[in-house]
Amino acid sequence: MNILVAYKGGTDLDKTVLALAKKHAKAFNARLYVATSMETASSREMDELDRIKSHLEYLKEAIEKEGISCETHLLIRGIAPGEDIVEFANDQKIDEIFIGIVKKSKVGKLLFGSNAQYIILEAPCPVVSIK
């Protein structure tokens, strides 16, 4: 089994999403993929890119210490993050995707962000959304 976490970068919600995904990975002896997607990376974003890369490397080491097989990926392929995650899920034959959902207003409670909505509607597998 392959599980994908759509990871934004160390928020409290990311930690909650990752914790649940790790429980599933342990229960199903699954491989865990942690992916962060950026549409582009300009020269002024290079410092941010280095920070993200080192954070993903740290996550991989920590997850593997827990006995979970893990891969981390920084996706910069020129497409919207939602589309990127779905494409990655197709490429890696992902069986389950975990995403975080943030509700900001009354209307936000009814509608997800465009990336989350795209993932939920277009993913080739079940999507677990966590708020």
Protein backbone atom coordinates (compact mmCIF):
# COMPACT_ATOMS: atom_id res chain seq x y z
CA MET A 1 0.00 0.00 0.00
CA ASN A 2 1.17 3.55 -0.78
CA ILE A 3 0.00 6.57 1.22
CA LEU A 4 0.57 10.19 0.16
CA VAL A 5 0.56 13.22 2.46
CA ALA A 6 0.08 16.57 0.72
CA TYR A 7 2.37 18.58 2.99
CA LYS A 8 2.52 22.38 3.14
CA GLY A 9 5.44 22.85 5.48
CA GLY A 10 5.27 22.31 9.21
CA THR A 11 2.01 23.91 10.34
CA ASP A 12 0.03 22.44 13.23
CA LEU A 13 -2.44 21.08 10.69
CA ASP A 14 0.42 19.42 8.78
CA LYS A 15 1.52 17.72 12.01
CA THR A 16 -2.01 16.41 12.61
CA VAL A 17 -2.31 15.14 9.03
CA LEU A 18 1.10 13.47 9.20
CA ALA A 19 0.33 11.81 12.56
CA LEU A 20 -2.83 10.19 11.18
CA ALA A 21 -1.08 9.14 7.97
CA LYS A 22 1.69 7.50 10.02
CA LYS A 23 -0.93 5.53 11.99
CA HIS A 24 -2.41 4.28 8.72
CA ALA A 25 1.05 3.46 7.33
CA LYS A 26 1.89 1.41 10.43
CA ALA A 27 -1.48 -0.37 10.43
CA PHE A 28 -1.26 -1.34 6.76
CA ASN A 29 2.53 -1.71 6.53
CA ALA A 30 2.43 0.98 3.86
CA ARG A 31 5.04 3.16 2.21
CA LEU A 32 4.54 6.82 3.12
CA TYR A 33 5.13 9.55 0.55
CA VAL A 34 5.33 13.15 1.80
CA ALA A 35 5.06 15.67 -1.03
CA THR A 36 5.16 19.45 -1.15
CA SER A 37 4.16 21.16 -4.36
CA MET A 38 5.13 24.61 -5.60
CA GLU A 39 4.00 25.89 -8.96
CA THR A 40 7.25 27.75 -9.61
CA ALA A 41 10.43 28.70 -7.80
CA SER A 42 11.85 32.11 -8.60
CA SER A 43 15.35 33.19 -7.64
CA ARG A 44 14.02 35.03 -4.59
CA GLU A 45 12.34 31.83 -3.38
CA MET A 46 15.59 29.86 -3.37
CA ASP A 47 16.11 30.33 0.39
CA GLU A 48 12.59 29.03 0.99
CA LEU A 49 13.33 26.07 -1.27
CA ASP A 50 16.43 25.17 0.73
CA ARG A 51 14.43 25.38 3.97
CA ILE A 52 11.70 23.12 2.57
CA LYS A 53 14.23 20.58 1.25
CA SER A 54 16.00 20.33 4.59
CA HIS A 55 12.66 20.08 6.44
CA LEU A 56 11.54 17.23 4.15
CA GLU A 57 14.86 15.45 4.73
CA TYR A 58 14.41 15.81 8.50
CA LEU A 59 10.86 14.42 8.22
CA LYS A 60 12.05 11.43 6.22
CA GLU A 61 14.67 10.54 8.82
CA ALA A 62 12.22 10.94 11.71
CA ILE A 63 9.54 8.83 10.01
CA GLU A 64 11.99 6.07 9.10
CA LYS A 65 13.17 5.96 12.74
CA GLU A 66 9.57 4.98 13.56
CA GLY A 67 9.93 1.97 11.26
CA ILE A 68 7.88 3.40 8.39
CA SER A 69 9.21 3.31 4.84
CA CYS A 70 9.21 6.90 3.58
CA GLU A 71 9.99 9.04 0.56
CA THR A 72 9.81 12.83 0.44
CA HIS A 73 9.35 14.89 -2.71
CA LEU A 74 9.48 18.58 -3.55
CA LEU A 75 7.40 18.99 -6.70
CA ILE A 76 8.03 22.03 -8.90
CA ARG A 77 6.51 21.16 -12.24
CA GLY A 78 4.73 24.34 -13.33
CA ILE A 79 1.19 23.21 -12.54
CA ALA A 80 -1.15 24.09 -9.67
CA PRO A 81 -0.41 22.19 -6.43
CA GLY A 82 -3.75 20.33 -6.50
CA GLU A 83 -3.12 19.08 -10.02
CA ASP A 84 0.48 18.24 -9.11
CA ILE A 85 -0.57 16.09 -6.15
CA VAL A 86 -3.14 14.20 -8.24
CA GLU A 87 -0.59 13.64 -11.04
CA PHE A 88 1.98 12.44 -8.49
CA ALA A 89 -0.62 10.08 -6.98
CA ASN A 90 -1.27 8.61 -10.43
CA ASP A 91 2.46 8.27 -11.18
CA GLN A 92 3.25 6.53 -7.87
CA LYS A 93 0.10 4.37 -7.77
CA ILE A 94 -1.00 5.92 -4.47
CA ASP A 95 -3.76 4.09 -2.58
CA GLU A 96 -4.76 6.86 -0.16
CA ILE A 97 -4.12 10.62 0.07
CA PHE A 98 -4.15 12.71 3.26
CA ILE A 99 -4.74 16.46 3.05
CA GLY A 100 -5.37 19.26 5.52
CA ILE A 101 -8.39 21.55 5.18
CA VAL A 102 -8.53 25.02 6.77
CA LYS A 103 -11.92 26.63 7.38
CA LYS A 104 -11.68 30.41 7.52
CA SER A 105 -15.27 31.67 7.35
CA LYS A 106 -18.89 30.52 7.16
CA VAL A 107 -18.56 30.23 3.41
CA GLY A 108 -15.21 28.50 3.88
CA LYS A 109 -17.02 25.82 5.87
CA LEU A 110 -19.03 24.97 2.77
CA LEU A 111 -16.24 25.25 0.21
CA PHE A 112 -12.75 23.83 0.37
CA GLY A 113 -9.72 25.60 -1.04
CA SER A 114 -9.32 25.11 -4.76
CA ASN A 115 -6.33 22.74 -4.37
CA ALA A 116 -8.07 20.59 -1.77
CA GLN A 117 -11.25 20.54 -3.82
CA TYR A 118 -9.35 19.51 -6.94
CA ILE A 119 -7.60 16.68 -5.07
CA ILE A 120 -10.84 15.40 -3.55
CA LEU A 121 -12.69 15.45 -6.88
CA GLU A 122 -9.91 14.21 -9.18
CA ALA A 123 -7.80 11.81 -7.09
CA PRO A 124 -7.54 8.23 -8.33
CA CYS A 125 -7.99 6.94 -4.76
CA PRO A 126 -9.70 7.77 -1.45
CA VAL A 127 -8.80 11.14 0.09
CA VAL A 128 -8.78 11.70 3.83
CA SER A 129 -9.34 15.37 4.63
CA ILE A 130 -8.46 16.61 8.09
CA LYS A 131 -9.42 19.92 9.63
